[in-house]
Each structure stands twice: as structure tokens, then as C-alpha cells.
Amino acid sequence: MDNTLEITHTRRQSFQDGISGFNDVLNGFALALDVYPRLRDAVFDDCDEWRRLLQHKLAPQLSGDGCLVVAVAGGTNTGKSTVYNLLLGARKSAACSTAAATSSPVLTTSNSRHDAALRGSLLPEFIALALEAPENATRRDMPESTLWVAESPALPDSLALMDTPDVDSIERRNWLVADHIRAAGDVIVAVLTPEKYK
């Protein structure tokens, strides 16, 4: 029995090493083609999303260093930020009685993943900034690609939680954010009210 477990572990490790190695070789190949821009563009045309998925999702997950991103999403004034804060057991996002309070997403990670999130390793679609106060996420003067990053000792390294702006907003800025959230979120928790469900 022990021999079977050892063989299984060895195969799993070989597979994980292979995925990580493939990612490294692919990035090296792209870098080598930088001196031939037309060839690079022809080879990697229309595959940016696939490469981001490989580099930031598949390779880390399969190597055992992945982080599941759970996005709390929904329509205007459904209580997304309230649910988000309840899941964390702390106030990380501004929960207001006014509609459309959250303007930029808030990502909360474990303490040890916080620096990686600020470097953009978890969600490269966004420009990450350290969250100083929950009200930061309500600022309308920030670029559409802004992501506020907080940390919580309550979260394990394998999980990150994201509060999101309204996905049904009439505000054009939220449309791009909604696309980024679709690409970034591994799991989406939909917060609904009877009116929004209809």
C-alpha cells in the first residue's frame, strides 16, 4: 500500500513540475521572441487571456500553491458588501445604505498572500493598491482597473475573498470591472433580492 501511495505522489509531483516547467518555457519563448515583434505577435496573437490563466491560475493551482478567488457579486443594493464582511467576520468593505456604494473591487487575502496580491500576482487584470480604510472602495475618482487589497488572519492561504461593484450598473466603468471579475473569480457567490432575481 505504501508503495502505491509513493508512486502516486511521484506522478503527481512530476505532473506539477511539468506544468510549472511548461509555464517557464512558454514565458522564456515569448521573451526570446521580443526581438522579432511581428513573429511574436503572430505566435501569441489572441492568447493573452489563456496565458494569464495558465500563469496565474492553472500553474499555481496544480503546483499546490494556488489560491481560490471567491467573488461576492450581484446587482445594485443587494447587500454584497454586508455579506462579504459577514463572511470575513470583519469590516473590510464599506457597506452603505445608498445604492452602488462599492466603486472598485476589494480583495482580502491571508496575511502571507497579501504582498503577492499587491504585486498583482493573484489578479493581474487589476492595478492593486493597499486598502487603508473600507471607504477607499467607494471612491469614484480611481481608474476602472483599481483593486483594493486587504488582509485577514481569518483566511487560509488557499482562499481569497473579493467584494465587487454592481454587475447590473448603468455606470459604464462597472462593465469593464465585471469582465475582469469574470476572468479573475474561480467561484462567484451571487447575492440576490427578490427584485433582482426577477
C-alpha atoms as a PDB file:
ATOM      1  CA  MET A   1       0.000   0.000   0.000  1.00  0.00           C
ATOM      2  CA  ASP A   2       2.796   2.451   0.889  1.00  0.00           C
ATOM      3  CA  ASN A   3       4.474   1.750  -2.450  1.00  0.00           C
ATOM      4  CA  THR A   4       1.280   2.675  -4.336  1.00  0.00           C
ATOM      5  CA  LEU A   5       0.991   5.956  -2.431  1.00  0.00           C
ATOM      6  CA  GLU A   6       4.620   6.742  -3.155  1.00  0.00           C
ATOM      7  CA  ILE A   7       4.161   6.098  -6.899  1.00  0.00           C
ATOM      8  CA  THR A   8       1.014   8.267  -6.931  1.00  0.00           C
ATOM      9  CA  HIS A   9       2.826  11.072  -5.119  1.00  0.00           C
ATOM     10  CA  THR A  10       5.789  10.823  -7.527  1.00  0.00           C
ATOM     11  CA  ARG A  11       3.487  11.004 -10.562  1.00  0.00           C
ATOM     12  CA  ARG A  12       1.592  13.962  -9.118  1.00  0.00           C
ATOM     13  CA  GLN A  13       4.870  15.750  -8.401  1.00  0.00           C
ATOM     14  CA  SER A  14       6.124  15.059 -11.939  1.00  0.00           C
ATOM     15  CA  PHE A  15       2.889  16.461 -13.384  1.00  0.00           C
ATOM     16  CA  GLN A  16       3.101  19.579 -11.174  1.00  0.00           C
ATOM     17  CA  ASP A  17       6.745  20.105 -12.126  1.00  0.00           C
ATOM     18  CA  GLY A  18       5.832  19.662 -15.804  1.00  0.00           C
ATOM     19  CA  ILE A  19       3.095  22.313 -15.668  1.00  0.00           C
ATOM     20  CA  SER A  20       5.391  24.779 -13.898  1.00  0.00           C
ATOM     21  CA  GLY A  21       8.206  23.974 -16.323  1.00  0.00           C
ATOM     22  CA  PHE A  22       5.916  24.471 -19.327  1.00  0.00           C
ATOM     23  CA  ASN A  23       4.868  27.859 -17.987  1.00  0.00           C
ATOM     24  CA  ASP A  24       8.529  28.871 -17.549  1.00  0.00           C
ATOM     25  CA  VAL A  25       9.472  27.673 -21.049  1.00  0.00           C
ATOM     26  CA  LEU A  26       6.479  29.482 -22.592  1.00  0.00           C
ATOM     27  CA  ASN A  27       7.437  32.740 -20.860  1.00  0.00           C
ATOM     28  CA  GLY A  28      11.070  32.298 -21.949  1.00  0.00           C
ATOM     29  CA  PHE A  29       9.947  31.659 -25.533  1.00  0.00           C
ATOM     30  CA  ALA A  30       7.821  34.833 -25.512  1.00  0.00           C
ATOM     31  CA  LEU A  31      10.750  36.821 -24.112  1.00  0.00           C
ATOM     32  CA  ALA A  32      13.110  35.438 -26.785  1.00  0.00           C
ATOM     33  CA  LEU A  33      10.644  36.496 -29.498  1.00  0.00           C
ATOM     34  CA  ASP A  34      10.673  40.118 -28.285  1.00  0.00           C
ATOM     35  CA  VAL A  35      13.469  40.837 -30.767  1.00  0.00           C
ATOM     36  CA  TYR A  36      11.086  39.688 -33.558  1.00  0.00           C
ATOM     37  CA  PRO A  37       7.880  41.620 -32.755  1.00  0.00           C
ATOM     38  CA  ARG A  38       5.950  40.527 -35.876  1.00  0.00           C
ATOM     39  CA  LEU A  39       6.729  36.872 -35.242  1.00  0.00           C
ATOM     40  CA  ARG A  40       5.927  37.216 -31.523  1.00  0.00           C
ATOM     41  CA  ASP A  41       2.599  38.858 -32.336  1.00  0.00           C
ATOM     42  CA  ALA A  42       1.751  36.139 -34.868  1.00  0.00           C
ATOM     43  CA  VAL A  43       2.603  33.327 -32.430  1.00  0.00           C
ATOM     44  CA  PHE A  44       0.861  34.820 -29.409  1.00  0.00           C
ATOM     45  CA  ASP A  45      -1.986  36.602 -31.187  1.00  0.00           C
ATOM     46  CA  ASP A  46      -5.249  36.475 -29.239  1.00  0.00           C
ATOM     47  CA  CYS A  47      -3.942  34.253 -26.419  1.00  0.00           C
ATOM     48  CA  ASP A  48      -3.310  36.766 -23.614  1.00  0.00           C
ATOM     49  CA  GLU A  49      -6.253  35.500 -21.556  1.00  0.00           C
ATOM     50  CA  TRP A  50      -5.105  31.877 -21.965  1.00  0.00           C
ATOM     51  CA  ARG A  51      -1.552  32.756 -20.892  1.00  0.00           C
ATOM     52  CA  ARG A  52      -2.829  34.657 -17.831  1.00  0.00           C
ATOM     53  CA  LEU A  53      -4.999  31.675 -16.943  1.00  0.00           C
ATOM     54  CA  LEU A  54      -2.015  29.323 -17.239  1.00  0.00           C
ATOM     55  CA  GLN A  55       0.396  31.570 -15.352  1.00  0.00           C
ATOM     56  CA  HIS A  56      -1.844  32.861 -12.578  1.00  0.00           C
ATOM     57  CA  LYS A  57      -4.424  30.094 -12.163  1.00  0.00           C
ATOM     58  CA  LEU A  58      -3.507  26.668 -13.565  1.00  0.00           C
ATOM     59  CA  ALA A  59       0.210  26.547 -12.797  1.00  0.00           C
ATOM     60  CA  PRO A  60      -0.155  27.757  -9.180  1.00  0.00           C
ATOM     61  CA  GLN A  61      -3.183  25.528  -8.509  1.00  0.00           C
ATOM     62  CA  LEU A  62      -1.540  22.433  -9.958  1.00  0.00           C
ATOM     63  CA  SER A  63       1.738  23.117  -8.169  1.00  0.00           C
ATOM     64  CA  GLY A  64      -0.113  23.193  -4.847  1.00  0.00           C
ATOM     65  CA  ASP A  65       0.459  26.915  -4.356  1.00  0.00           C
ATOM     66  CA  GLY A  66      -2.867  28.092  -5.759  1.00  0.00           C
ATOM     67  CA  CYS A  67      -5.427  30.389  -4.237  1.00  0.00           C
ATOM     68  CA  LEU A  68      -9.155  30.081  -4.870  1.00  0.00           C
ATOM     69  CA  VAL A  69     -10.667  33.521  -5.548  1.00  0.00           C
ATOM     70  CA  VAL A  70     -14.288  33.757  -4.409  1.00  0.00           C
ATOM     71  CA  ALA A  71     -16.105  36.843  -5.723  1.00  0.00           C
ATOM     72  CA  VAL A  72     -19.223  38.121  -3.974  1.00  0.00           C
ATOM     73  CA  ALA A  73     -21.260  39.596  -6.843  1.00  0.00           C
ATOM     74  CA  GLY A  74     -24.758  40.801  -7.584  1.00  0.00           C
ATOM     75  CA  GLY A  75     -26.921  43.710  -8.585  1.00  0.00           C
ATOM     76  CA  THR A  76     -27.284  47.203  -7.201  1.00  0.00           C
ATOM     77  CA  ASN A  77     -28.044  47.429  -3.472  1.00  0.00           C
ATOM     78  CA  THR A  78     -28.403  43.690  -2.836  1.00  0.00           C
ATOM     79  CA  GLY A  79     -26.114  43.681   0.211  1.00  0.00           C
ATOM     80  CA  LYS A  80     -22.934  42.282  -1.349  1.00  0.00           C
ATOM     81  CA  SER A  81     -20.604  44.219   0.944  1.00  0.00           C
ATOM     82  CA  THR A  82     -22.630  43.221   4.003  1.00  0.00           C
ATOM     83  CA  VAL A  83     -22.384  39.533   3.046  1.00  0.00           C
ATOM     84  CA  TYR A  84     -18.673  39.976   2.266  1.00  0.00           C
ATOM     85  CA  ASN A  85     -17.966  41.490   5.679  1.00  0.00           C
ATOM     86  CA  LEU A  86     -20.019  38.783   7.419  1.00  0.00           C
ATOM     87  CA  LEU A  87     -18.033  36.043   5.646  1.00  0.00           C
ATOM     88  CA  LEU A  88     -14.781  37.668   6.809  1.00  0.00           C
ATOM     89  CA  GLY A  89     -16.015  38.424  10.294  1.00  0.00           C
ATOM     90  CA  ALA A  90     -14.591  41.947   9.928  1.00  0.00           C
ATOM     91  CA  ARG A  91     -15.443  45.205   8.141  1.00  0.00           C
ATOM     92  CA  LYS A  92     -13.146  45.276   5.115  1.00  0.00           C
ATOM     93  CA  SER A  93     -15.550  46.841   2.616  1.00  0.00           C
ATOM     94  CA  ALA A  94     -17.845  49.850   3.091  1.00  0.00           C
ATOM     95  CA  ALA A  95     -21.450  48.724   3.486  1.00  0.00           C
ATOM     96  CA  CYS A  96     -23.743  51.692   2.881  1.00  0.00           C
ATOM     97  CA  SER A  97     -27.493  52.072   2.706  1.00  0.00           C
ATOM     98  CA  THR A  98     -27.116  54.054  -0.518  1.00  0.00           C
ATOM     99  CA  ALA A  99     -27.165  52.181  -3.802  1.00  0.00           C
ATOM    100  CA  ALA A 100     -23.971  51.474  -5.779  1.00  0.00           C
ATOM    101  CA  ALA A 101     -21.588  52.291  -2.909  1.00  0.00           C
ATOM    102  CA  THR A 102     -18.739  49.966  -3.971  1.00  0.00           C
ATOM    103  CA  SER A 103     -16.964  51.522  -6.949  1.00  0.00           C
ATOM    104  CA  SER A 104     -13.833  49.305  -7.093  1.00  0.00           C
ATOM    105  CA  PRO A 105     -13.435  45.678  -6.012  1.00  0.00           C
ATOM    106  CA  VAL A 106     -11.886  44.776  -2.658  1.00  0.00           C
ATOM    107  CA  LEU A 107      -9.773  41.623  -2.369  1.00  0.00           C
ATOM    108  CA  THR A 108      -8.990  40.198   1.055  1.00  0.00           C
ATOM    109  CA  THR A 109      -6.262  37.579   1.358  1.00  0.00           C
ATOM    110  CA  SER A 110      -4.440  35.777   4.119  1.00  0.00           C
ATOM    111  CA  ASN A 111      -1.563  37.699   5.693  1.00  0.00           C
ATOM    112  CA  SER A 112       1.043  35.662   3.810  1.00  0.00           C
ATOM    113  CA  ARG A 113      -0.612  36.249   0.393  1.00  0.00           C
ATOM    114  CA  HIS A 114      -1.065  39.992   0.876  1.00  0.00           C
ATOM    115  CA  ASP A 115       2.244  41.067  -0.719  1.00  0.00           C
ATOM    116  CA  ALA A 116       1.701  38.796  -3.732  1.00  0.00           C
ATOM    117  CA  ALA A 117      -1.768  40.288  -4.213  1.00  0.00           C
ATOM    118  CA  LEU A 118      -0.316  43.813  -4.096  1.00  0.00           C
ATOM    119  CA  ARG A 119       2.242  42.830  -6.753  1.00  0.00           C
ATOM    120  CA  GLY A 120      -0.632  41.712  -8.999  1.00  0.00           C
ATOM    121  CA  SER A 121       0.239  38.014  -8.871  1.00  0.00           C
ATOM    122  CA  LEU A 122      -3.272  36.887  -7.908  1.00  0.00           C
ATOM    123  CA  LEU A 123      -5.325  39.166 -10.168  1.00  0.00           C
ATOM    124  CA  PRO A 124      -3.161  40.612 -12.958  1.00  0.00           C
ATOM    125  CA  GLU A 125      -6.227  42.149 -14.640  1.00  0.00           C
ATOM    126  CA  PHE A 126      -6.272  44.863 -11.968  1.00  0.00           C
ATOM    127  CA  ILE A 127      -3.945  47.538 -10.549  1.00  0.00           C
ATOM    128  CA  ALA A 128      -3.648  46.614  -6.864  1.00  0.00           C
ATOM    129  CA  LEU A 129      -3.500  49.187  -4.064  1.00  0.00           C
ATOM    130  CA  ALA A 130      -3.350  48.652  -0.313  1.00  0.00           C
ATOM    131  CA  LEU A 131      -6.699  49.228   1.377  1.00  0.00           C
ATOM    132  CA  GLU A 132      -6.248  51.775   4.152  1.00  0.00           C
ATOM    133  CA  ALA A 133      -9.943  52.162   5.032  1.00  0.00           C
ATOM    134  CA  PRO A 134     -13.115  50.369   3.855  1.00  0.00           C
ATOM    135  CA  GLU A 135     -14.329  53.649   2.336  1.00  0.00           C
ATOM    136  CA  ASN A 136     -11.482  53.534  -0.226  1.00  0.00           C
ATOM    137  CA  ALA A 137     -13.632  51.230  -2.348  1.00  0.00           C
ATOM    138  CA  THR A 138     -16.337  53.906  -2.677  1.00  0.00           C
ATOM    139  CA  ARG A 139     -14.011  56.433  -4.333  1.00  0.00           C
ATOM    140  CA  ARG A 140     -15.232  57.325  -7.820  1.00  0.00           C
ATOM    141  CA  ASP A 141     -12.006  59.113  -8.797  1.00  0.00           C
ATOM    142  CA  MET A 142      -9.987  55.894  -9.151  1.00  0.00           C
ATOM    143  CA  PRO A 143      -9.240  54.203 -12.519  1.00  0.00           C
ATOM    144  CA  GLU A 144     -11.575  51.400 -13.618  1.00  0.00           C
ATOM    145  CA  SER A 145      -8.851  48.801 -13.126  1.00  0.00           C
ATOM    146  CA  THR A 146      -8.321  49.623  -9.424  1.00  0.00           C
ATOM    147  CA  LEU A 147      -8.340  46.748  -6.936  1.00  0.00           C
ATOM    148  CA  TRP A 148      -8.135  47.448  -3.205  1.00  0.00           C
ATOM    149  CA  VAL A 149      -6.249  44.745  -1.293  1.00  0.00           C
ATOM    150  CA  ALA A 150      -6.733  43.959   2.392  1.00  0.00           C
ATOM    151  CA  GLU A 151      -5.511  41.123   4.588  1.00  0.00           C
ATOM    152  CA  SER A 152      -7.172  38.966   7.196  1.00  0.00           C
ATOM    153  CA  PRO A 153      -5.732  36.355   9.566  1.00  0.00           C
ATOM    154  CA  ALA A 154      -9.111  34.577   9.320  1.00  0.00           C
ATOM    155  CA  LEU A 155      -8.455  33.429   5.731  1.00  0.00           C
ATOM    156  CA  PRO A 156      -6.308  30.413   4.837  1.00  0.00           C
ATOM    157  CA  ASP A 157      -3.591  30.797   2.184  1.00  0.00           C
ATOM    158  CA  SER A 158      -5.719  28.800  -0.255  1.00  0.00           C
ATOM    159  CA  LEU A 159      -8.622  31.291  -0.252  1.00  0.00           C
ATOM    160  CA  ALA A 160      -9.130  34.951  -1.191  1.00  0.00           C
ATOM    161  CA  LEU A 161     -12.450  36.780  -0.986  1.00  0.00           C
ATOM    162  CA  MET A 162     -13.450  39.637  -3.323  1.00  0.00           C
ATOM    163  CA  ASP A 163     -16.232  42.211  -2.923  1.00  0.00           C
ATOM    164  CA  THR A 164     -17.403  43.644  -6.235  1.00  0.00           C
ATOM    165  CA  PRO A 165     -19.215  46.670  -7.664  1.00  0.00           C
ATOM    166  CA  ASP A 166     -22.723  46.186  -9.042  1.00  0.00           C
ATOM    167  CA  VAL A 167     -22.728  43.932 -12.097  1.00  0.00           C
ATOM    168  CA  ASP A 168     -26.013  45.401 -13.371  1.00  0.00           C
ATOM    169  CA  SER A 169     -24.937  49.013 -13.035  1.00  0.00           C
ATOM    170  CA  ILE A 170     -25.773  51.632 -15.625  1.00  0.00           C
ATOM    171  CA  GLU A 171     -22.296  53.024 -14.977  1.00  0.00           C
ATOM    172  CA  ARG A 172     -20.016  52.205 -17.910  1.00  0.00           C
ATOM    173  CA  ARG A 173     -16.948  51.833 -15.629  1.00  0.00           C
ATOM    174  CA  ASN A 174     -18.546  48.789 -13.976  1.00  0.00           C
ATOM    175  CA  TRP A 175     -18.828  46.915 -17.284  1.00  0.00           C
ATOM    176  CA  LEU A 176     -15.055  46.556 -17.617  1.00  0.00           C
ATOM    177  CA  VAL A 177     -14.783  45.632 -13.932  1.00  0.00           C
ATOM    178  CA  ALA A 178     -17.453  42.953 -14.430  1.00  0.00           C
ATOM    179  CA  ASP A 179     -15.384  41.442 -17.285  1.00  0.00           C
ATOM    180  CA  HIS A 180     -12.265  41.407 -15.087  1.00  0.00           C
ATOM    181  CA  ILE A 181     -14.206  39.769 -12.257  1.00  0.00           C
ATOM    182  CA  ARG A 182     -15.458  37.070 -14.616  1.00  0.00           C
ATOM    183  CA  ALA A 183     -11.868  36.348 -15.614  1.00  0.00           C
ATOM    184  CA  ALA A 184     -10.490  36.552 -12.062  1.00  0.00           C
ATOM    185  CA  GLY A 185     -13.086  34.744  -9.990  1.00  0.00           C
ATOM    186  CA  ASP A 186     -12.878  30.992  -9.578  1.00  0.00           C
ATOM    187  CA  VAL A 187     -16.181  30.925  -7.687  1.00  0.00           C
ATOM    188  CA  ILE A 188     -18.868  33.598  -7.787  1.00  0.00           C
ATOM    189  CA  VAL A 189     -21.306  33.913  -4.892  1.00  0.00           C
ATOM    190  CA  ALA A 190     -24.414  35.661  -6.239  1.00  0.00           C
ATOM    191  CA  VAL A 191     -26.229  37.887  -3.747  1.00  0.00           C
ATOM    192  CA  LEU A 192     -29.865  38.306  -4.815  1.00  0.00           C
ATOM    193  CA  THR A 193     -33.013  40.011  -3.635  1.00  0.00           C
ATOM    194  CA  PRO A 194     -36.494  39.020  -4.867  1.00  0.00           C
ATOM    195  CA  GLU A 195     -36.496  42.041  -7.194  1.00  0.00           C
ATOM    196  CA  LYS A 196     -33.043  41.292  -8.624  1.00  0.00           C
ATOM    197  CA  TYR A 197     -33.903  37.607  -9.045  1.00  0.00           C
ATOM    198  CA  LYS A 198     -36.782  38.566 -11.342  1.00  0.00           C
END
